[in-house]
Amino acid sequence: MKFKFWGVRGSIPTPGPSTVKYGGNTTCIEIRTNDNDLIILDAGTGIHALAQNLLKEMPINAHIFITHTHWDHIQGLPFFIPIFIPANQINIYGGVDPVTNECIRRALSVQLQYSFFPIREAQLNARIEYSTIKPGEPLHIGSAKITPVLLDHPVLNFGYRIDCDGQSLFFTGDYEPQLNIYDPEDEEYAEFQSFIDEKWQEAILVMKDVDALIVDSSYTSAEYASKQGWGHGTYDSGIKLATAAKAKKLFFTHHEPTRNDAELDAIYQAVLQNNPATCCELLLAQEGIEISL
């Protein structure tokens, strides 16, 4: 199994000379099994570049797993060229929003409304199928097993574990480890902390022993002090996850959009210096980089 980053930026695309090294596209990860099954995690703006690369393979059978429906994770869907080409099979997976009760089909259909896009959904030529997934219920695509798990974010958000060809990968999507909203002296504190600990153990169990762990690490710990509740993790929280799960490689992603390449380099060097005895290899996700497991 191998995977490639096509988008590693969070919140909004940031193209330009200061983001050339790590990339300015929003989240998209391509996964290939040894049998060449195509699995795509999220459809941020990075999926447009992936689409250009796929044109030489037409027709394709693509499986797109959406972590959540915030813009930076779905805004590339209308620009995924294979949806306009006959004979292509496009499978889109996601959950049912508990607030709107809308299924994953809405992620594409809303963007194709006439107010937002010149091409209607009825004009798409590929065969597009939508599948609703549920936490803890694995799906199988060829030899790959995909297991979704709910992770904390201000909207329904799935993390995904992919097991295939004797290797494993986990992607958190956007994830902020939950904090206790009560003070220690509050009578609700212990019960809520028990709930948090249970959810943490559930997440660690699904991530356990993965070859690659890809985590939302938007902030430094200093920045996080003023951004609690925004739904994103830190470099330190990513390392804590990797340590508990005994991951072999940890990839930091969802880079903060105001951060340029030089700032990312400096943060990365500080992370390495502050964690010399970490349990696994620490890496910054970089657009265009392919990793074989």
C-alpha atoms as a PDB file:
ATOM      1  CA  MET A   1       0.000   0.000   0.000  1.00  0.00           C
ATOM      2  CA  LYS A   2       1.161   3.524  -0.754  1.00  0.00           C
ATOM      3  CA  PHE A   3      -0.291   6.988  -0.290  1.00  0.00           C
ATOM      4  CA  LYS A   4       0.303  10.468  -1.660  1.00  0.00           C
ATOM      5  CA  PHE A   5      -0.525  13.914  -0.312  1.00  0.00           C
ATOM      6  CA  TRP A   6      -2.337  16.141  -2.817  1.00  0.00           C
ATOM      7  CA  GLY A   7      -3.415  18.740  -0.275  1.00  0.00           C
ATOM      8  CA  VAL A   8      -2.106  19.435   3.231  1.00  0.00           C
ATOM      9  CA  ARG A   9      -3.399  22.912   4.050  1.00  0.00           C
ATOM     10  CA  GLY A  10      -6.239  23.704   6.432  1.00  0.00           C
ATOM     11  CA  SER A  11      -9.201  26.052   6.227  1.00  0.00           C
ATOM     12  CA  ILE A  12      -8.475  27.823   2.923  1.00  0.00           C
ATOM     13  CA  PRO A  13      -6.151  27.283  -0.066  1.00  0.00           C
ATOM     14  CA  THR A  14      -2.937  29.310   0.155  1.00  0.00           C
ATOM     15  CA  PRO A  15      -1.183  29.209  -3.234  1.00  0.00           C
ATOM     16  CA  GLY A  16       1.848  31.397  -3.807  1.00  0.00           C
ATOM     17  CA  PRO A  17       5.631  31.592  -3.612  1.00  0.00           C
ATOM     18  CA  SER A  18       5.731  31.279   0.184  1.00  0.00           C
ATOM     19  CA  THR A  19       3.955  27.875   0.245  1.00  0.00           C
ATOM     20  CA  VAL A  20       5.647  26.089  -2.650  1.00  0.00           C
ATOM     21  CA  LYS A  21       7.575  23.586  -0.510  1.00  0.00           C
ATOM     22  CA  TYR A  22       4.718  22.184   1.562  1.00  0.00           C
ATOM     23  CA  GLY A  23       1.838  23.162  -0.724  1.00  0.00           C
ATOM     24  CA  GLY A  24      -1.190  25.424  -0.566  1.00  0.00           C
ATOM     25  CA  ASN A  25      -4.029  23.041  -1.474  1.00  0.00           C
ATOM     26  CA  THR A  26      -6.533  21.839   1.107  1.00  0.00           C
ATOM     27  CA  THR A  27      -6.857  18.266   2.269  1.00  0.00           C
ATOM     28  CA  CYS A  28      -6.722  15.327  -0.131  1.00  0.00           C
ATOM     29  CA  ILE A  29      -4.853  12.019   0.212  1.00  0.00           C
ATOM     30  CA  GLU A  30      -4.615   9.337  -2.476  1.00  0.00           C
ATOM     31  CA  ILE A  31      -4.195   5.704  -1.380  1.00  0.00           C
ATOM     32  CA  ARG A  32      -3.307   2.834  -3.707  1.00  0.00           C
ATOM     33  CA  THR A  33      -3.446  -0.812  -2.761  1.00  0.00           C
ATOM     34  CA  ASN A  34      -1.068  -3.352  -4.285  1.00  0.00           C
ATOM     35  CA  ASP A  35      -3.929  -4.222  -6.673  1.00  0.00           C
ATOM     36  CA  ASN A  36      -4.172  -0.527  -7.628  1.00  0.00           C
ATOM     37  CA  ASP A  37      -7.556   0.075  -6.000  1.00  0.00           C
ATOM     38  CA  LEU A  38      -8.034   3.833  -5.683  1.00  0.00           C
ATOM     39  CA  ILE A  39      -9.092   5.235  -2.296  1.00  0.00           C
ATOM     40  CA  ILE A  40      -9.221   9.001  -1.731  1.00  0.00           C
ATOM     41  CA  LEU A  41      -9.473  10.631   1.681  1.00  0.00           C
ATOM     42  CA  ASP A  42     -11.232  14.010   1.472  1.00  0.00           C
ATOM     43  CA  ALA A  43     -11.882  16.218  -1.524  1.00  0.00           C
ATOM     44  CA  GLY A  44     -10.277  19.556  -0.766  1.00  0.00           C
ATOM     45  CA  THR A  45      -8.723  21.598  -3.561  1.00  0.00           C
ATOM     46  CA  GLY A  46      -5.901  19.065  -3.816  1.00  0.00           C
ATOM     47  CA  ILE A  47      -8.257  16.636  -5.546  1.00  0.00           C
ATOM     48  CA  HIS A  48      -8.131  18.815  -8.672  1.00  0.00           C
ATOM     49  CA  ALA A  49      -4.429  18.084  -9.184  1.00  0.00           C
ATOM     50  CA  LEU A  50      -5.086  14.417  -8.454  1.00  0.00           C
ATOM     51  CA  ALA A  51      -7.753  14.449 -11.164  1.00  0.00           C
ATOM     52  CA  GLN A  52      -5.239  15.719 -13.732  1.00  0.00           C
ATOM     53  CA  ASN A  53      -2.988  12.802 -12.852  1.00  0.00           C
ATOM     54  CA  LEU A  54      -5.849  10.306 -13.214  1.00  0.00           C
ATOM     55  CA  LEU A  55      -6.773  11.321 -16.767  1.00  0.00           C
ATOM     56  CA  LYS A  56      -4.263   8.855 -18.204  1.00  0.00           C
ATOM     57  CA  GLU A  57      -6.039   6.009 -16.370  1.00  0.00           C
ATOM     58  CA  MET A  58      -9.585   6.508 -17.627  1.00  0.00           C
ATOM     59  CA  PRO A  59     -11.958   4.874 -16.990  1.00  0.00           C
ATOM     60  CA  ILE A  60     -11.491   4.794 -13.236  1.00  0.00           C
ATOM     61  CA  ASN A  61     -13.297   3.392 -10.204  1.00  0.00           C
ATOM     62  CA  ALA A  62     -12.646   5.851  -7.370  1.00  0.00           C
ATOM     63  CA  HIS A  63     -13.702   5.584  -3.733  1.00  0.00           C
ATOM     64  CA  ILE A  64     -13.809   8.991  -1.990  1.00  0.00           C
ATOM     65  CA  PHE A  65     -14.158   8.981   1.794  1.00  0.00           C
ATOM     66  CA  ILE A  66     -15.149  12.330   3.294  1.00  0.00           C
ATOM     67  CA  THR A  67     -14.110  12.960   6.891  1.00  0.00           C
ATOM     68  CA  HIS A  68     -16.516  15.899   7.286  1.00  0.00           C
ATOM     69  CA  THR A  69     -18.245  18.506   5.161  1.00  0.00           C
ATOM     70  CA  HIS A  70     -16.456  21.732   6.041  1.00  0.00           C
ATOM     71  CA  TRP A  71     -15.529  23.586   2.849  1.00  0.00           C
ATOM     72  CA  ASP A  72     -11.815  22.864   2.900  1.00  0.00           C
ATOM     73  CA  HIS A  73     -12.518  19.114   2.767  1.00  0.00           C
ATOM     74  CA  ILE A  74     -15.146  19.083  -0.003  1.00  0.00           C
ATOM     75  CA  GLN A  75     -14.624  22.157  -2.186  1.00  0.00           C
ATOM     76  CA  GLY A  76     -12.655  20.218  -4.796  1.00  0.00           C
ATOM     77  CA  LEU A  77     -15.501  17.798  -5.592  1.00  0.00           C
ATOM     78  CA  PRO A  78     -17.073  19.879  -8.406  1.00  0.00           C
ATOM     79  CA  PHE A  79     -13.608  20.183  -9.992  1.00  0.00           C
ATOM     80  CA  PHE A  80     -12.839  16.455  -9.890  1.00  0.00           C
ATOM     81  CA  ILE A  81     -12.775  15.983 -13.670  1.00  0.00           C
ATOM     82  CA  PRO A  82     -13.619  12.238 -13.665  1.00  0.00           C
ATOM     83  CA  ILE A  83     -17.217  13.074 -12.619  1.00  0.00           C
ATOM     84  CA  PHE A  84     -17.746  14.571 -16.080  1.00  0.00           C
ATOM     85  CA  ILE A  85     -16.376  11.613 -18.052  1.00  0.00           C
ATOM     86  CA  PRO A  86     -18.594   8.655 -19.084  1.00  0.00           C
ATOM     87  CA  ALA A  87     -17.662   5.124 -17.951  1.00  0.00           C
ATOM     88  CA  ASN A  88     -16.103   6.369 -14.705  1.00  0.00           C
ATOM     89  CA  GLN A  89     -17.462   5.026 -11.417  1.00  0.00           C
ATOM     90  CA  ILE A  90     -17.240   7.492  -8.529  1.00  0.00           C
ATOM     91  CA  ASN A  91     -18.209   6.272  -5.052  1.00  0.00           C
ATOM     92  CA  ILE A  92     -18.567   8.888  -2.305  1.00  0.00           C
ATOM     93  CA  TYR A  93     -18.774   7.849   1.356  1.00  0.00           C
ATOM     94  CA  GLY A  94     -19.726   9.848   4.432  1.00  0.00           C
ATOM     95  CA  GLY A  95     -22.048  10.106   7.392  1.00  0.00           C
ATOM     96  CA  VAL A  96     -25.480  11.537   8.120  1.00  0.00           C
ATOM     97  CA  ASP A  97     -25.296  14.972   9.739  1.00  0.00           C
ATOM     98  CA  PRO A  98     -27.142  14.678  13.080  1.00  0.00           C
ATOM     99  CA  VAL A  99     -28.199  18.352  12.948  1.00  0.00           C
ATOM    100  CA  THR A 100     -29.490  18.613   9.362  1.00  0.00           C
ATOM    101  CA  ASN A 101     -30.182  14.874   8.898  1.00  0.00           C
ATOM    102  CA  GLU A 102     -28.611  15.234   5.442  1.00  0.00           C
ATOM    103  CA  CYS A 103     -26.523  12.423   3.928  1.00  0.00           C
ATOM    104  CA  ILE A 104     -23.193  12.778   2.145  1.00  0.00           C
ATOM    105  CA  ARG A 105     -24.847  13.447  -1.239  1.00  0.00           C
ATOM    106  CA  ARG A 106     -25.414  17.007  -0.062  1.00  0.00           C
ATOM    107  CA  ALA A 107     -21.649  17.670  -0.110  1.00  0.00           C
ATOM    108  CA  LEU A 108     -21.700  17.675  -3.910  1.00  0.00           C
ATOM    109  CA  SER A 109     -25.302  18.572  -4.753  1.00  0.00           C
ATOM    110  CA  VAL A 110     -25.258  21.829  -2.759  1.00  0.00           C
ATOM    111  CA  GLN A 111     -22.113  22.987  -4.547  1.00  0.00           C
ATOM    112  CA  LEU A 112     -23.713  22.248  -7.913  1.00  0.00           C
ATOM    113  CA  GLN A 113     -26.706  24.528  -7.303  1.00  0.00           C
ATOM    114  CA  TYR A 114     -27.064  27.159 -10.022  1.00  0.00           C
ATOM    115  CA  SER A 115     -26.104  29.973  -7.630  1.00  0.00           C
ATOM    116  CA  PHE A 116     -22.681  28.451  -7.014  1.00  0.00           C
ATOM    117  CA  PHE A 117     -21.671  26.453 -10.107  1.00  0.00           C
ATOM    118  CA  PRO A 118     -22.422  26.605 -13.854  1.00  0.00           C
ATOM    119  CA  ILE A 119     -22.921  22.849 -14.339  1.00  0.00           C
ATOM    120  CA  ARG A 120     -25.910  21.016 -12.909  1.00  0.00           C
ATOM    121  CA  GLU A 121     -25.802  17.648 -11.158  1.00  0.00           C
ATOM    122  CA  ALA A 122     -27.859  16.153 -14.006  1.00  0.00           C
ATOM    123  CA  GLN A 123     -25.047  17.006 -16.419  1.00  0.00           C
ATOM    124  CA  LEU A 124     -22.485  14.785 -14.728  1.00  0.00           C
ATOM    125  CA  ASN A 125     -21.601  11.898 -17.014  1.00  0.00           C
ATOM    126  CA  ALA A 126     -19.893   9.508 -14.597  1.00  0.00           C
ATOM    127  CA  ARG A 127     -21.857   7.047 -12.523  1.00  0.00           C
ATOM    128  CA  ILE A 128     -21.891   8.500  -9.010  1.00  0.00           C
ATOM    129  CA  GLU A 129     -23.024   6.513  -5.992  1.00  0.00           C
ATOM    130  CA  TYR A 130     -23.307   7.699  -2.396  1.00  0.00           C
ATOM    131  CA  SER A 131     -22.896   5.439   0.619  1.00  0.00           C
ATOM    132  CA  THR A 132     -23.716   6.247   4.229  1.00  0.00           C
ATOM    133  CA  ILE A 133     -21.160   4.958   6.700  1.00  0.00           C
ATOM    134  CA  LYS A 134     -21.446   4.355  10.429  1.00  0.00           C
ATOM    135  CA  PRO A 135     -18.741   4.458  13.101  1.00  0.00           C
ATOM    136  CA  GLY A 136     -17.129   1.127  13.849  1.00  0.00           C
ATOM    137  CA  GLU A 137     -18.654  -0.608  10.804  1.00  0.00           C
ATOM    138  CA  PRO A 138     -15.834  -1.524   8.376  1.00  0.00           C
ATOM    139  CA  LEU A 139     -16.164  -1.407   4.597  1.00  0.00           C
ATOM    140  CA  HIS A 140     -14.158  -3.472   2.132  1.00  0.00           C
ATOM    141  CA  ILE A 141     -12.758  -2.230  -1.170  1.00  0.00           C
ATOM    142  CA  GLY A 142     -10.808  -4.958  -2.876  1.00  0.00           C
ATOM    143  CA  SER A 143      -8.281  -6.167  -0.327  1.00  0.00           C
ATOM    144  CA  ALA A 144      -8.574  -2.988   1.770  1.00  0.00           C
ATOM    145  CA  LYS A 145     -10.607  -2.673   4.967  1.00  0.00           C
ATOM    146  CA  ILE A 146     -11.708   0.851   5.879  1.00  0.00           C
ATOM    147  CA  THR A 147     -12.859   1.417   9.448  1.00  0.00           C
ATOM    148  CA  PRO A 148     -14.492   4.765  10.351  1.00  0.00           C
ATOM    149  CA  VAL A 149     -14.424   6.201  13.870  1.00  0.00           C
ATOM    150  CA  LEU A 150     -16.044   9.366  15.213  1.00  0.00           C
ATOM    151  CA  LEU A 151     -13.553  12.008  16.330  1.00  0.00           C
ATOM    152  CA  ASP A 152     -14.250  15.325  18.021  1.00  0.00           C
ATOM    153  CA  HIS A 153     -14.804  18.366  15.757  1.00  0.00           C
ATOM    154  CA  PRO A 154     -17.534  21.040  15.549  1.00  0.00           C
ATOM    155  CA  VAL A 155     -19.369  18.937  12.933  1.00  0.00           C
ATOM    156  CA  LEU A 156     -19.746  15.188  12.351  1.00  0.00           C
ATOM    157  CA  ASN A 157     -16.183  14.037  11.641  1.00  0.00           C
ATOM    158  CA  PHE A 158     -14.835  10.585  10.820  1.00  0.00           C
ATOM    159  CA  GLY A 159     -11.296   9.378  11.172  1.00  0.00           C
ATOM    160  CA  TYR A 160     -10.434   6.452   8.897  1.00  0.00           C
ATOM    161  CA  ARG A 161      -8.218   3.430   9.384  1.00  0.00           C
ATOM    162  CA  ILE A 162      -7.174   1.586   6.209  1.00  0.00           C
ATOM    163  CA  ASP A 163      -5.727  -1.926   6.505  1.00  0.00           C
ATOM    164  CA  CYS A 164      -4.401  -3.528   3.340  1.00  0.00           C
ATOM    165  CA  ASP A 165      -1.517  -5.625   2.041  1.00  0.00           C
ATOM    166  CA  GLY A 166      -0.188  -6.133   5.548  1.00  0.00           C
ATOM    167  CA  GLN A 167       0.100  -2.382   6.218  1.00  0.00           C
ATOM    168  CA  SER A 168      -2.106   0.165   7.956  1.00  0.00           C
ATOM    169  CA  LEU A 169      -2.802   3.880   7.921  1.00  0.00           C
ATOM    170  CA  PHE A 170      -5.008   6.172  10.008  1.00  0.00           C
ATOM    171  CA  PHE A 171      -6.167   9.693   9.122  1.00  0.00           C
ATOM    172  CA  THR A 172      -7.894  11.813  11.740  1.00  0.00           C
ATOM    173  CA  GLY A 173      -9.519  14.393   9.508  1.00  0.00           C
ATOM    174  CA  ASP A 174      -9.903  17.521  11.649  1.00  0.00           C
ATOM    175  CA  TYR A 175      -9.569  16.512  15.274  1.00  0.00           C
ATOM    176  CA  GLU A 176      -9.279  18.304  18.590  1.00  0.00           C
ATOM    177  CA  PRO A 177      -8.898  15.925  21.535  1.00  0.00           C
ATOM    178  CA  GLN A 178     -11.820  16.715  23.797  1.00  0.00           C
ATOM    179  CA  LEU A 179     -11.299  18.861  26.875  1.00  0.00           C
ATOM    180  CA  ASN A 180     -13.241  18.784  30.117  1.00  0.00           C
ATOM    181  CA  ILE A 181     -15.579  21.786  30.123  1.00  0.00           C
ATOM    182  CA  TYR A 182     -16.004  21.603  33.912  1.00  0.00           C
ATOM    183  CA  ASP A 183     -13.703  22.728  36.691  1.00  0.00           C
ATOM    184  CA  PRO A 184     -12.283  19.967  38.925  1.00  0.00           C
ATOM    185  CA  GLU A 185     -14.416  21.145  41.832  1.00  0.00           C
ATOM    186  CA  ASP A 186     -17.647  20.835  39.804  1.00  0.00           C
ATOM    187  CA  GLU A 187     -19.726  17.755  40.546  1.00  0.00           C
ATOM    188  CA  GLU A 188     -20.038  17.047  36.795  1.00  0.00           C
ATOM    189  CA  TYR A 189     -16.262  16.989  36.308  1.00  0.00           C
ATOM    190  CA  ALA A 190     -15.591  13.317  37.121  1.00  0.00           C
ATOM    191  CA  GLU A 191     -18.460  11.965  35.015  1.00  0.00           C
ATOM    192  CA  PHE A 192     -17.499  14.074  32.019  1.00  0.00           C
ATOM    193  CA  GLN A 193     -13.833  13.138  32.373  1.00  0.00           C
ATOM    194  CA  SER A 194     -14.833   9.484  32.358  1.00  0.00           C
ATOM    195  CA  PHE A 195     -16.659  10.081  29.066  1.00  0.00           C
ATOM    196  CA  ILE A 196     -13.585  11.833  27.603  1.00  0.00           C
ATOM    197  CA  ASP A 197     -11.280   8.997  28.707  1.00  0.00           C
ATOM    198  CA  GLU A 198     -13.590   6.418  27.142  1.00  0.00           C
ATOM    199  CA  LYS A 199     -13.646   8.257  23.797  1.00  0.00           C
ATOM    200  CA  TRP A 200      -9.857   8.620  23.900  1.00  0.00           C
ATOM    201  CA  GLN A 201      -9.390   4.890  24.420  1.00  0.00           C
ATOM    202  CA  GLU A 202     -11.801   4.116  21.576  1.00  0.00           C
ATOM    203  CA  ALA A 203      -9.759   6.315  19.248  1.00  0.00           C
ATOM    204  CA  ILE A 204      -6.431   4.848  20.361  1.00  0.00           C
ATOM    205  CA  LEU A 205      -7.746   1.319  19.873  1.00  0.00           C
ATOM    206  CA  VAL A 206      -8.606   2.032  16.226  1.00  0.00           C
ATOM    207  CA  MET A 207      -5.238   3.711  15.613  1.00  0.00           C
ATOM    208  CA  LYS A 208      -3.218   1.041  17.399  1.00  0.00           C
ATOM    209  CA  ASP A 209       0.066  -0.040  15.770  1.00  0.00           C
ATOM    210  CA  VAL A 210      -0.560   1.720  12.438  1.00  0.00           C
ATOM    211  CA  ASP A 211       2.345   2.111  10.074  1.00  0.00           C
ATOM    212  CA  ALA A 212       1.359   5.717   9.350  1.00  0.00           C
ATOM    213  CA  LEU A 213      -0.696   8.099  11.473  1.00  0.00           C
ATOM    214  CA  ILE A 214      -1.770  11.341   9.755  1.00  0.00           C
ATOM    215  CA  VAL A 215      -3.047  13.931  12.232  1.00  0.00           C
ATOM    216  CA  ASP A 216      -4.523  17.414  12.296  1.00  0.00           C
ATOM    217  CA  SER A 217      -1.795  19.555  13.890  1.00  0.00           C
ATOM    218  CA  SER A 218      -2.850  23.077  12.996  1.00  0.00           C
ATOM    219  CA  TYR A 219      -1.404  24.824  16.035  1.00  0.00           C
ATOM    220  CA  THR A 220       1.544  25.006  18.333  1.00  0.00           C
ATOM    221  CA  SER A 221       0.712  24.596  22.013  1.00  0.00           C
ATOM    222  CA  ALA A 222       1.168  28.336  22.560  1.00  0.00           C
ATOM    223  CA  GLU A 223      -1.289  29.144  19.752  1.00  0.00           C
ATOM    224  CA  TYR A 224      -3.794  26.602  21.014  1.00  0.00           C
ATOM    225  CA  ALA A 225      -4.276  28.508  24.270  1.00  0.00           C
ATOM    226  CA  SER A 226      -6.412  31.062  22.400  1.00  0.00           C
ATOM    227  CA  LYS A 227      -8.024  28.593  19.970  1.00  0.00           C
ATOM    228  CA  GLN A 228      -9.537  25.949  22.220  1.00  0.00           C
ATOM    229  CA  GLY A 229     -12.822  24.686  20.838  1.00  0.00           C
ATOM    230  CA  TRP A 230     -11.967  25.547  17.232  1.00  0.00           C
ATOM    231  CA  GLY A 231     -11.735  21.838  16.446  1.00  0.00           C
ATOM    232  CA  HIS A 232      -8.047  21.367  15.682  1.00  0.00           C
ATOM    233  CA  GLY A 233      -5.075  19.653  17.243  1.00  0.00           C
ATOM    234  CA  THR A 234      -1.489  20.603  18.001  1.00  0.00           C
ATOM    235  CA  TYR A 235       1.906  19.084  17.294  1.00  0.00           C
ATOM    236  CA  ASP A 236       2.043  17.955  20.906  1.00  0.00           C
ATOM    237  CA  SER A 237      -1.410  16.349  20.812  1.00  0.00           C
ATOM    238  CA  GLY A 238      -0.387  14.505  17.645  1.00  0.00           C
ATOM    239  CA  ILE A 239       2.708  13.119  19.342  1.00  0.00           C
ATOM    240  CA  LYS A 240       0.597  12.085  22.326  1.00  0.00           C
ATOM    241  CA  LEU A 241      -1.737  10.187  19.967  1.00  0.00           C
ATOM    242  CA  ALA A 242       1.131   8.490  18.144  1.00  0.00           C
ATOM    243  CA  THR A 243       2.796   7.486  21.409  1.00  0.00           C
ATOM    244  CA  ALA A 244      -0.383   5.984  22.853  1.00  0.00           C
ATOM    245  CA  ALA A 245      -1.201   4.179  19.597  1.00  0.00           C
ATOM    246  CA  LYS A 246       2.417   3.027  19.043  1.00  0.00           C
ATOM    247  CA  ALA A 247       2.377   4.338  15.476  1.00  0.00           C
ATOM    248  CA  LYS A 248       5.505   3.856  13.381  1.00  0.00           C
ATOM    249  CA  LYS A 249       5.374   7.140  11.437  1.00  0.00           C
ATOM    250  CA  LEU A 250       3.548  10.351  12.356  1.00  0.00           C
ATOM    251  CA  PHE A 251       2.622  12.896   9.685  1.00  0.00           C
ATOM    252  CA  PHE A 252       1.546  16.382  10.790  1.00  0.00           C
ATOM    253  CA  THR A 253      -0.974  17.947   8.402  1.00  0.00           C
ATOM    254  CA  HIS A 254      -3.753  20.565   8.045  1.00  0.00           C
ATOM    255  CA  HIS A 255      -1.095  23.274   8.106  1.00  0.00           C
ATOM    256  CA  GLU A 256      -2.371  26.624   9.366  1.00  0.00           C
ATOM    257  CA  PRO A 257      -3.144  28.799   6.297  1.00  0.00           C
ATOM    258  CA  THR A 258      -1.163  31.826   7.511  1.00  0.00           C
ATOM    259  CA  ARG A 259       1.989  29.739   7.907  1.00  0.00           C
ATOM    260  CA  ASN A 260       4.612  29.900   5.179  1.00  0.00           C
ATOM    261  CA  ASP A 261       7.281  27.340   4.311  1.00  0.00           C
ATOM    262  CA  ALA A 262       9.979  28.961   6.450  1.00  0.00           C
ATOM    263  CA  GLU A 263       7.690  29.041   9.479  1.00  0.00           C
ATOM    264  CA  LEU A 264       6.769  25.389   8.997  1.00  0.00           C
ATOM    265  CA  ASP A 265      10.462  24.502   8.739  1.00  0.00           C
ATOM    266  CA  ALA A 266      11.178  26.338  11.989  1.00  0.00           C
ATOM    267  CA  ILE A 267       8.278  24.681  13.823  1.00  0.00           C
ATOM    268  CA  TYR A 268       9.340  21.262  12.545  1.00  0.00           C
ATOM    269  CA  GLN A 269      12.910  21.725  13.766  1.00  0.00           C
ATOM    270  CA  ALA A 270      11.612  22.818  17.171  1.00  0.00           C
ATOM    271  CA  VAL A 271       9.346  19.761  17.362  1.00  0.00           C
ATOM    272  CA  LEU A 272      12.294  17.467  16.600  1.00  0.00           C
ATOM    273  CA  GLN A 273      14.512  19.168  19.169  1.00  0.00           C
ATOM    274  CA  ASN A 274      11.838  19.061  21.859  1.00  0.00           C
ATOM    275  CA  ASN A 275      11.035  15.379  21.229  1.00  0.00           C
ATOM    276  CA  PRO A 276      14.393  13.604  20.742  1.00  0.00           C
ATOM    277  CA  ALA A 277      13.184  10.323  22.222  1.00  0.00           C
ATOM    278  CA  THR A 278       9.767  10.104  20.603  1.00  0.00           C
ATOM    279  CA  CYS A 279       8.344   6.670  19.827  1.00  0.00           C
ATOM    280  CA  CYS A 280       8.167   7.120  16.054  1.00  0.00           C
ATOM    281  CA  GLU A 281       9.432   9.059  13.062  1.00  0.00           C
ATOM    282  CA  LEU A 282       8.005  12.597  12.909  1.00  0.00           C
ATOM    283  CA  LEU A 283       7.287  14.137   9.492  1.00  0.00           C
ATOM    284  CA  LEU A 284       5.498  17.154   8.036  1.00  0.00           C
ATOM    285  CA  ALA A 285       2.962  16.271   5.350  1.00  0.00           C
ATOM    286  CA  GLN A 286       4.087  17.735   2.040  1.00  0.00           C
ATOM    287  CA  GLU A 287       2.070  18.102  -1.141  1.00  0.00           C
ATOM    288  CA  GLY A 288       3.283  15.771  -3.904  1.00  0.00           C
ATOM    289  CA  ILE A 289       5.149  13.384  -1.594  1.00  0.00           C
ATOM    290  CA  GLU A 290       4.363   9.675  -2.037  1.00  0.00           C
ATOM    291  CA  ILE A 291       5.023   7.156   0.741  1.00  0.00           C
ATOM    292  CA  SER A 292       5.213   3.398   0.326  1.00  0.00           C
ATOM    293  CA  LEU A 293       4.449   1.418   3.471  1.00  0.00           C
END
